[in-house]
Amino acid sequence: MTAVSFDGRSDVPVLGKPTPLFNDDYDLGQGITIANYDVTPDGRFVMLHRDAHGGQLHLVLNWTEELKRILAQGGVR
């Protein structure tokens, strides 16, 4: 993942020098055209970190109900 400055004030856009955002190993999507990250509405993002020994992805459905249950019990201890 890299950042590039962009100036679109003239007829021809001007792009700056690419700068790496992270010095780590992240998984890629299928092929080079499918992103393996997503941006949240508040501008944050989620990326999958590559683990040399494999890893697991845990998908939690109805997580808001789980959160309500945890909070009703006084939160995580």
PDB file of N, CA and C in Angstrom:
ATOM      1  N   MET A   1       0.860  -1.162   0.000  1.00  0.00           N
ATOM      2  CA  MET A   1       0.000   0.000   0.000  1.00  0.00           C
ATOM      3  C   MET A   1       0.906   1.225   0.000  1.00  0.00           C
ATOM      4  N   THR A   2       0.670   2.105  -0.930  1.00  0.00           N
ATOM      5  CA  THR A   2       1.490   3.312  -1.039  1.00  0.00           C
ATOM      6  C   THR A   2       0.599   4.550  -1.092  1.00  0.00           C
ATOM      7  N   ALA A   3       1.194   5.684  -0.802  1.00  0.00           N
ATOM      8  CA  ALA A   3       0.521   6.977  -0.911  1.00  0.00           C
ATOM      9  C   ALA A   3       1.232   7.787  -1.983  1.00  0.00           C
ATOM     10  N   VAL A   4       0.448   8.547  -2.727  1.00  0.00           N
ATOM     11  CA  VAL A   4       1.002   9.404  -3.780  1.00  0.00           C
ATOM     12  C   VAL A   4       0.279  10.742  -3.702  1.00  0.00           C
ATOM     13  N   SER A   5       1.039  11.826  -3.664  1.00  0.00           N
ATOM     14  CA  SER A   5       0.392  13.138  -3.690  1.00  0.00           C
ATOM     15  C   SER A   5      -0.205  13.355  -5.077  1.00  0.00           C
ATOM     16  N   PHE A   6      -1.284  14.140  -5.113  1.00  0.00           N
ATOM     17  CA  PHE A   6      -2.010  14.376  -6.364  1.00  0.00           C
ATOM     18  C   PHE A   6      -2.393  15.842  -6.433  1.00  0.00           C
ATOM     19  N   ASP A   7      -2.065  16.482  -7.551  1.00  0.00           N
ATOM     20  CA  ASP A   7      -2.449  17.876  -7.786  1.00  0.00           C
ATOM     21  C   ASP A   7      -3.272  17.905  -9.071  1.00  0.00           C
ATOM     22  N   GLY A   8      -4.566  18.149  -8.937  1.00  0.00           N
ATOM     23  CA  GLY A   8      -5.457  18.154 -10.085  1.00  0.00           C
ATOM     24  C   GLY A   8      -5.924  19.545 -10.474  1.00  0.00           C
ATOM     25  N   ARG A   9      -5.172  20.581 -10.082  1.00  0.00           N
ATOM     26  CA  ARG A   9      -5.602  21.955 -10.372  1.00  0.00           C
ATOM     27  C   ARG A   9      -5.407  22.353 -11.822  1.00  0.00           C
ATOM     28  N   SER A  10      -4.502  21.696 -12.529  1.00  0.00           N
ATOM     29  CA  SER A  10      -4.281  22.055 -13.940  1.00  0.00           C
ATOM     30  C   SER A  10      -4.929  21.013 -14.842  1.00  0.00           C
ATOM     31  N   ASP A  11      -4.814  21.228 -16.159  1.00  0.00           N
ATOM     32  CA  ASP A  11      -5.407  20.306 -17.134  1.00  0.00           C
ATOM     33  C   ASP A  11      -4.765  18.919 -17.071  1.00  0.00           C
ATOM     34  N   VAL A  12      -3.492  18.886 -16.706  1.00  0.00           N
ATOM     35  CA  VAL A  12      -2.770  17.617 -16.603  1.00  0.00           C
ATOM     36  C   VAL A  12      -2.481  17.353 -15.130  1.00  0.00           C
ATOM     37  N   PRO A  13      -3.005  16.245 -14.583  1.00  0.00           N
ATOM     38  CA  PRO A  13      -2.744  15.952 -13.174  1.00  0.00           C
ATOM     39  C   PRO A  13      -1.260  15.723 -12.910  1.00  0.00           C
ATOM     40  N   VAL A  14      -0.814  16.143 -11.741  1.00  0.00           N
ATOM     41  CA  VAL A  14       0.587  15.953 -11.347  1.00  0.00           C
ATOM     42  C   VAL A  14       0.616  14.970 -10.178  1.00  0.00           C
ATOM     43  N   LEU A  15       1.348  13.878 -10.363  1.00  0.00           N
ATOM     44  CA  LEU A  15       1.476  12.866  -9.319  1.00  0.00           C
ATOM     45  C   LEU A  15       2.852  12.957  -8.688  1.00  0.00           C
ATOM     46  N   GLY A  16       2.892  12.810  -7.365  1.00  0.00           N
ATOM     47  CA  GLY A  16       4.160  12.846  -6.648  1.00  0.00           C
ATOM     48  C   GLY A  16       4.819  11.479  -6.615  1.00  0.00           C
ATOM     49  N   LYS A  17       5.890  11.406  -5.858  1.00  0.00           N
ATOM     50  CA  LYS A  17       6.644  10.162  -5.716  1.00  0.00           C
ATOM     51  C   LYS A  17       5.882   9.208  -4.787  1.00  0.00           C
ATOM     52  N   PRO A  18       5.695   7.949  -5.190  1.00  0.00           N
ATOM     53  CA  PRO A  18       5.023   6.979  -4.313  1.00  0.00           C
ATOM     54  C   PRO A  18       5.823   6.760  -3.030  1.00  0.00           C
ATOM     55  N   THR A  19       5.111   6.714  -1.912  1.00  0.00           N
ATOM     56  CA  THR A  19       5.728   6.498  -0.609  1.00  0.00           C
ATOM     57  C   THR A  19       5.051   5.311   0.065  1.00  0.00           C
ATOM     58  N   PRO A  20       5.817   4.283   0.461  1.00  0.00           N
ATOM     59  CA  PRO A  20       5.206   3.144   1.160  1.00  0.00           C
ATOM     60  C   PRO A  20       4.581   3.591   2.484  1.00  0.00           C
ATOM     61  N   LEU A  21       3.390   3.087   2.764  1.00  0.00           N
ATOM     62  CA  LEU A  21       2.723   3.415   4.027  1.00  0.00           C
ATOM     63  C   LEU A  21       3.093   2.452   5.141  1.00  0.00           C
ATOM     64  N   PHE A  22       3.391   1.213   4.787  1.00  0.00           N
ATOM     65  CA  PHE A  22       3.664   0.192   5.780  1.00  0.00           C
ATOM     66  C   PHE A  22       4.880  -0.612   5.358  1.00  0.00           C
ATOM     67  N   ASN A  23       5.692  -0.998   6.313  1.00  0.00           N
ATOM     68  CA  ASN A  23       6.829  -1.890   6.059  1.00  0.00           C
ATOM     69  C   ASN A  23       6.489  -3.250   6.643  1.00  0.00           C
ATOM     70  N   ASP A  24       5.590  -3.946   5.991  1.00  0.00           N
ATOM     71  CA  ASP A  24       5.168  -5.249   6.462  1.00  0.00           C
ATOM     72  C   ASP A  24       4.653  -6.038   5.268  1.00  0.00           C
ATOM     73  N   ASP A  25       4.256  -7.263   5.501  1.00  0.00           N
ATOM     74  CA  ASP A  25       3.822  -8.146   4.434  1.00  0.00           C
ATOM     75  C   ASP A  25       2.318  -8.364   4.545  1.00  0.00           C
ATOM     76  N   TYR A  26       1.555  -7.883   3.571  1.00  0.00           N
ATOM     77  CA  TYR A  26       0.109  -8.005   3.585  1.00  0.00           C
ATOM     78  C   TYR A  26      -0.347  -8.892   2.432  1.00  0.00           C
ATOM     79  N   ASP A  27      -1.428  -9.629   2.668  1.00  0.00           N
ATOM     80  CA  ASP A  27      -1.975 -10.497   1.628  1.00  0.00           C
ATOM     81  C   ASP A  27      -2.524  -9.671   0.488  1.00  0.00           C
ATOM     82  N   LEU A  28      -2.461 -10.258  -0.687  1.00  0.00           N
ATOM     83  CA  LEU A  28      -3.031  -9.647  -1.885  1.00  0.00           C
ATOM     84  C   LEU A  28      -4.349 -10.326  -2.192  1.00  0.00           C
ATOM     85  N   GLY A  29      -5.205  -9.655  -2.939  1.00  0.00           N
ATOM     86  CA  GLY A  29      -6.453 -10.258  -3.376  1.00  0.00           C
ATOM     87  C   GLY A  29      -6.172 -11.268  -4.475  1.00  0.00           C
ATOM     88  N   GLN A  30      -7.216 -11.844  -5.014  1.00  0.00           N
ATOM     89  CA  GLN A  30      -7.064 -12.810  -6.102  1.00  0.00           C
ATOM     90  C   GLN A  30      -6.600 -12.067  -7.343  1.00  0.00           C
ATOM     91  N   GLY A  31      -5.429 -12.411  -7.857  1.00  0.00           N
ATOM     92  CA  GLY A  31      -4.883 -11.686  -8.998  1.00  0.00           C
ATOM     93  C   GLY A  31      -4.425 -10.304  -8.570  1.00  0.00           C
ATOM     94  N   ILE A  32      -4.251  -9.429  -9.524  1.00  0.00           N
ATOM     95  CA  ILE A  32      -3.802  -8.077  -9.180  1.00  0.00           C
ATOM     96  C   ILE A  32      -4.925  -7.054  -9.272  1.00  0.00           C
ATOM     97  N   THR A  33      -6.130  -7.495  -9.611  1.00  0.00           N
ATOM     98  CA  THR A  33      -7.221  -6.542  -9.800  1.00  0.00           C
ATOM     99  C   THR A  33      -8.243  -6.547  -8.675  1.00  0.00           C
ATOM    100  N   ILE A  34      -8.110  -7.470  -7.720  1.00  0.00           N
ATOM    101  CA  ILE A  34      -9.068  -7.545  -6.620  1.00  0.00           C
ATOM    102  C   ILE A  34      -8.377  -7.104  -5.336  1.00  0.00           C
ATOM    103  N   ALA A  35      -8.852  -6.019  -4.768  1.00  0.00           N
ATOM    104  CA  ALA A  35      -8.235  -5.487  -3.547  1.00  0.00           C
ATOM    105  C   ALA A  35      -8.481  -6.414  -2.369  1.00  0.00           C
ATOM    106  N   ASN A  36      -7.517  -6.501  -1.477  1.00  0.00           N
ATOM    107  CA  ASN A  36      -7.665  -7.292  -0.264  1.00  0.00           C
ATOM    108  C   ASN A  36      -7.678  -6.354   0.940  1.00  0.00           C
ATOM    109  N   TYR A  37      -8.401  -5.271   0.802  1.00  0.00           N
ATOM    110  CA  TYR A  37      -8.569  -4.299   1.875  1.00  0.00           C
ATOM    111  C   TYR A  37      -9.895  -3.595   1.647  1.00  0.00           C
ATOM    112  N   ASP A  38     -10.347  -2.854   2.622  1.00  0.00           N
ATOM    113  CA  ASP A  38     -11.555  -2.070   2.462  1.00  0.00           C
ATOM    114  C   ASP A  38     -11.428  -0.806   3.297  1.00  0.00           C
ATOM    115  N   VAL A  39     -12.096   0.246   2.876  1.00  0.00           N
ATOM    116  CA  VAL A  39     -12.085   1.520   3.585  1.00  0.00           C
ATOM    117  C   VAL A  39     -13.440   1.695   4.256  1.00  0.00           C
ATOM    118  N   THR A  40     -13.403   2.049   5.537  1.00  0.00           N
ATOM    119  CA  THR A  40     -14.638   2.238   6.293  1.00  0.00           C
ATOM    120  C   THR A  40     -15.163   3.659   6.075  1.00  0.00           C
ATOM    121  N   PRO A  41     -16.435   3.906   6.391  1.00  0.00           N
ATOM    122  CA  PRO A  41     -17.007   5.238   6.173  1.00  0.00           C
ATOM    123  C   PRO A  41     -16.256   6.367   6.883  1.00  0.00           C
ATOM    124  N   ASP A  42     -15.569   6.062   7.994  1.00  0.00           N
ATOM    125  CA  ASP A  42     -14.851   7.117   8.720  1.00  0.00           C
ATOM    126  C   ASP A  42     -13.428   7.317   8.198  1.00  0.00           C
ATOM    127  N   GLY A  43     -13.070   6.657   7.088  1.00  0.00           N
ATOM    128  CA  GLY A  43     -11.760   6.853   6.478  1.00  0.00           C
ATOM    129  C   GLY A  43     -10.700   5.870   6.938  1.00  0.00           C
ATOM    130  N   ARG A  44     -10.998   5.048   7.915  1.00  0.00           N
ATOM    131  CA  ARG A  44     -10.050   4.012   8.336  1.00  0.00           C
ATOM    132  C   ARG A  44     -10.136   2.859   7.347  1.00  0.00           C
ATOM    133  N   PHE A  45      -9.236   1.908   7.480  1.00  0.00           N
ATOM    134  CA  PHE A  45      -9.299   0.774   6.563  1.00  0.00           C
ATOM    135  C   PHE A  45      -8.881  -0.504   7.251  1.00  0.00           C
ATOM    136  N   VAL A  46      -9.226  -1.603   6.607  1.00  0.00           N
ATOM    137  CA  VAL A  46      -8.925  -2.935   7.100  1.00  0.00           C
ATOM    138  C   VAL A  46      -8.051  -3.625   6.069  1.00  0.00           C
ATOM    139  N   MET A  47      -6.937  -4.197   6.531  1.00  0.00           N
ATOM    140  CA  MET A  47      -6.052  -4.960   5.652  1.00  0.00           C
ATOM    141  C   MET A  47      -5.737  -6.286   6.332  1.00  0.00           C
ATOM    142  N   LEU A  48      -5.504  -7.330   5.535  1.00  0.00           N
ATOM    143  CA  LEU A  48      -5.155  -8.636   6.083  1.00  0.00           C
ATOM    144  C   LEU A  48      -3.645  -8.795   6.083  1.00  0.00           C
ATOM    145  N   HIS A  49      -3.095  -9.004   7.267  1.00  0.00           N
ATOM    146  CA  HIS A  49      -1.660  -9.188   7.442  1.00  0.00           C
ATOM    147  C   HIS A  49      -1.297 -10.620   7.095  1.00  0.00           C
ATOM    148  N   ARG A  50      -0.245 -10.819   6.341  1.00  0.00           N
ATOM    149  CA  ARG A  50       0.194 -12.156   5.963  1.00  0.00           C
ATOM    150  C   ARG A  50       1.024 -12.753   7.088  1.00  0.00           C
ATOM    151  N   ASP A  51       0.684 -13.970   7.475  1.00  0.00           N
ATOM    152  CA  ASP A  51       1.400 -14.692   8.520  1.00  0.00           C
ATOM    153  C   ASP A  51       2.231 -15.785   7.865  1.00  0.00           C
ATOM    154  N   ALA A  52       3.505 -15.863   8.191  1.00  0.00           N
ATOM    155  CA  ALA A  52       4.392 -16.841   7.577  1.00  0.00           C
ATOM    156  C   ALA A  52       3.954 -18.277   7.837  1.00  0.00           C
ATOM    157  N   HIS A  53       3.181 -18.489   8.902  1.00  0.00           N
ATOM    158  CA  HIS A  53       2.758 -19.843   9.259  1.00  0.00           C
ATOM    159  C   HIS A  53       1.290 -20.090   8.936  1.00  0.00           C
ATOM    160  N   GLY A  54       0.741 -19.307   8.039  1.00  0.00           N
ATOM    161  CA  GLY A  54      -0.686 -19.432   7.754  1.00  0.00           C
ATOM    162  C   GLY A  54      -1.469 -18.671   8.796  1.00  0.00           C
ATOM    163  N   GLY A  55      -2.735 -18.771   8.763  1.00  0.00           N
ATOM    164  CA  GLY A  55      -3.533 -18.061   9.747  1.00  0.00           C
ATOM    165  C   GLY A  55      -4.995 -18.413   9.601  1.00  0.00           C
ATOM    166  N   GLN A  56      -5.795 -17.768  10.414  1.00  0.00           N
ATOM    167  CA  GLN A  56      -7.222 -18.007  10.393  1.00  0.00           C
ATOM    168  C   GLN A  56      -7.943 -16.671  10.340  1.00  0.00           C
ATOM    169  N   LEU A  57      -9.033 -16.660   9.639  1.00  0.00           N
ATOM    170  CA  LEU A  57      -9.911 -15.501   9.588  1.00  0.00           C
ATOM    171  C   LEU A  57     -11.193 -15.880  10.311  1.00  0.00           C
ATOM    172  N   HIS A  58     -11.554 -15.110  11.324  1.00  0.00           N
ATOM    173  CA  HIS A  58     -12.766 -15.378  12.088  1.00  0.00           C
ATOM    174  C   HIS A  58     -13.835 -14.392  11.646  1.00  0.00           C
ATOM    175  N   LEU A  59     -14.931 -14.898  11.157  1.00  0.00           N
ATOM    176  CA  LEU A  59     -16.050 -14.078  10.721  1.00  0.00           C
ATOM    177  C   LEU A  59     -17.118 -14.141  11.797  1.00  0.00           C
ATOM    178  N   VAL A  60     -17.516 -12.992  12.313  1.00  0.00           N
ATOM    179  CA  VAL A  60     -18.518 -12.936  13.367  1.00  0.00           C
ATOM    180  C   VAL A  60     -19.782 -12.325  12.783  1.00  0.00           C
ATOM    181  N   LEU A  61     -20.814 -13.143  12.707  1.00  0.00           N
ATOM    182  CA  LEU A  61     -22.110 -12.673  12.228  1.00  0.00           C
ATOM    183  C   LEU A  61     -22.909 -12.140  13.406  1.00  0.00           C
ATOM    184  N   ASN A  62     -23.749 -11.178  13.162  1.00  0.00           N
ATOM    185  CA  ASN A  62     -24.585 -10.578  14.206  1.00  0.00           C
ATOM    186  C   ASN A  62     -23.739 -10.074  15.379  1.00  0.00           C
ATOM    187  N   TRP A  63     -22.607  -9.452  15.065  1.00  0.00           N
ATOM    188  CA  TRP A  63     -21.690  -9.008  16.110  1.00  0.00           C
ATOM    189  C   TRP A  63     -22.298  -7.931  16.999  1.00  0.00           C
ATOM    190  N   THR A  64     -23.276  -7.199  16.482  1.00  0.00           N
ATOM    191  CA  THR A  64     -23.890  -6.166  17.326  1.00  0.00           C
ATOM    192  C   THR A  64     -24.668  -6.809  18.473  1.00  0.00           C
ATOM    193  N   GLU A  65     -25.300  -7.954  18.217  1.00  0.00           N
ATOM    194  CA  GLU A  65     -26.010  -8.656  19.283  1.00  0.00           C
ATOM    195  C   GLU A  65     -25.023  -9.179  20.328  1.00  0.00           C
ATOM    196  N   GLU A  66     -23.892  -9.684  19.862  1.00  0.00           N
ATOM    197  CA  GLU A  66     -22.851 -10.153  20.776  1.00  0.00           C
ATOM    198  C   GLU A  66     -22.325  -8.992  21.619  1.00  0.00           C
ATOM    199  N   LEU A  67     -22.127  -7.843  21.001  1.00  0.00           N
ATOM    200  CA  LEU A  67     -21.648  -6.665  21.722  1.00  0.00           C
ATOM    201  C   LEU A  67     -22.660  -6.228  22.782  1.00  0.00           C
ATOM    202  N   LYS A  68     -23.936  -6.219  22.414  1.00  0.00           N
ATOM    203  CA  LYS A  68     -24.972  -5.850  23.385  1.00  0.00           C
ATOM    204  C   LYS A  68     -24.951  -6.802  24.582  1.00  0.00           C
ATOM    205  N   ARG A  69     -24.790  -8.104  24.317  1.00  0.00           N
ATOM    206  CA  ARG A  69     -24.751  -9.094  25.394  1.00  0.00           C
ATOM    207  C   ARG A  69     -23.555  -8.848  26.314  1.00  0.00           C
ATOM    208  N   ILE A  70     -22.390  -8.598  25.714  1.00  0.00           N
ATOM    209  CA  ILE A  70     -21.185  -8.356  26.499  1.00  0.00           C
ATOM    210  C   ILE A  70     -21.324  -7.095  27.350  1.00  0.00           C
ATOM    211  N   LEU A  71     -21.852  -6.039  26.759  1.00  0.00           N
ATOM    212  CA  LEU A  71     -22.024  -4.785  27.490  1.00  0.00           C
ATOM    213  C   LEU A  71     -23.045  -4.918  28.609  1.00  0.00           C
ATOM    214  N   ALA A  72     -24.102  -5.694  28.370  1.00  0.00           N
ATOM    215  CA  ALA A  72     -25.115  -5.895  29.400  1.00  0.00           C
ATOM    216  C   ALA A  72     -24.543  -6.638  30.605  1.00  0.00           C
ATOM    217  N   GLN A  73     -23.486  -7.428  30.359  1.00  0.00           N
ATOM    218  CA  GLN A  73     -22.851  -8.170  31.441  1.00  0.00           C
ATOM    219  C   GLN A  73     -21.717  -7.373  32.079  1.00  0.00           C
ATOM    220  N   GLY A  74     -21.576  -6.118  31.696  1.00  0.00           N
ATOM    221  CA  GLY A  74     -20.548  -5.269  32.308  1.00  0.00           C
ATOM    222  C   GLY A  74     -19.286  -5.130  31.479  1.00  0.00           C
ATOM    223  N   GLY A  75     -19.294  -5.609  30.268  1.00  0.00           N
ATOM    224  CA  GLY A  75     -18.120  -5.462  29.404  1.00  0.00           C
ATOM    225  C   GLY A  75     -17.127  -6.608  29.562  1.00  0.00           C
ATOM    226  N   VAL A  76     -16.076  -6.564  28.805  1.00  0.00           N
ATOM    227  CA  VAL A  76     -15.053  -7.599  28.829  1.00  0.00           C
ATOM    228  C   VAL A  76     -14.210  -7.424  30.079  1.00  0.00           C
ATOM    229  N   ARG A  77     -13.943  -8.498  30.742  1.00  0.00           N
ATOM    230  CA  ARG A  77     -13.130  -8.455  31.963  1.00  0.00           C
ATOM    231  C   ARG A  77     -11.852  -9.207  31.767  1.00  0.00           C
TER     232      ARG A  77
END
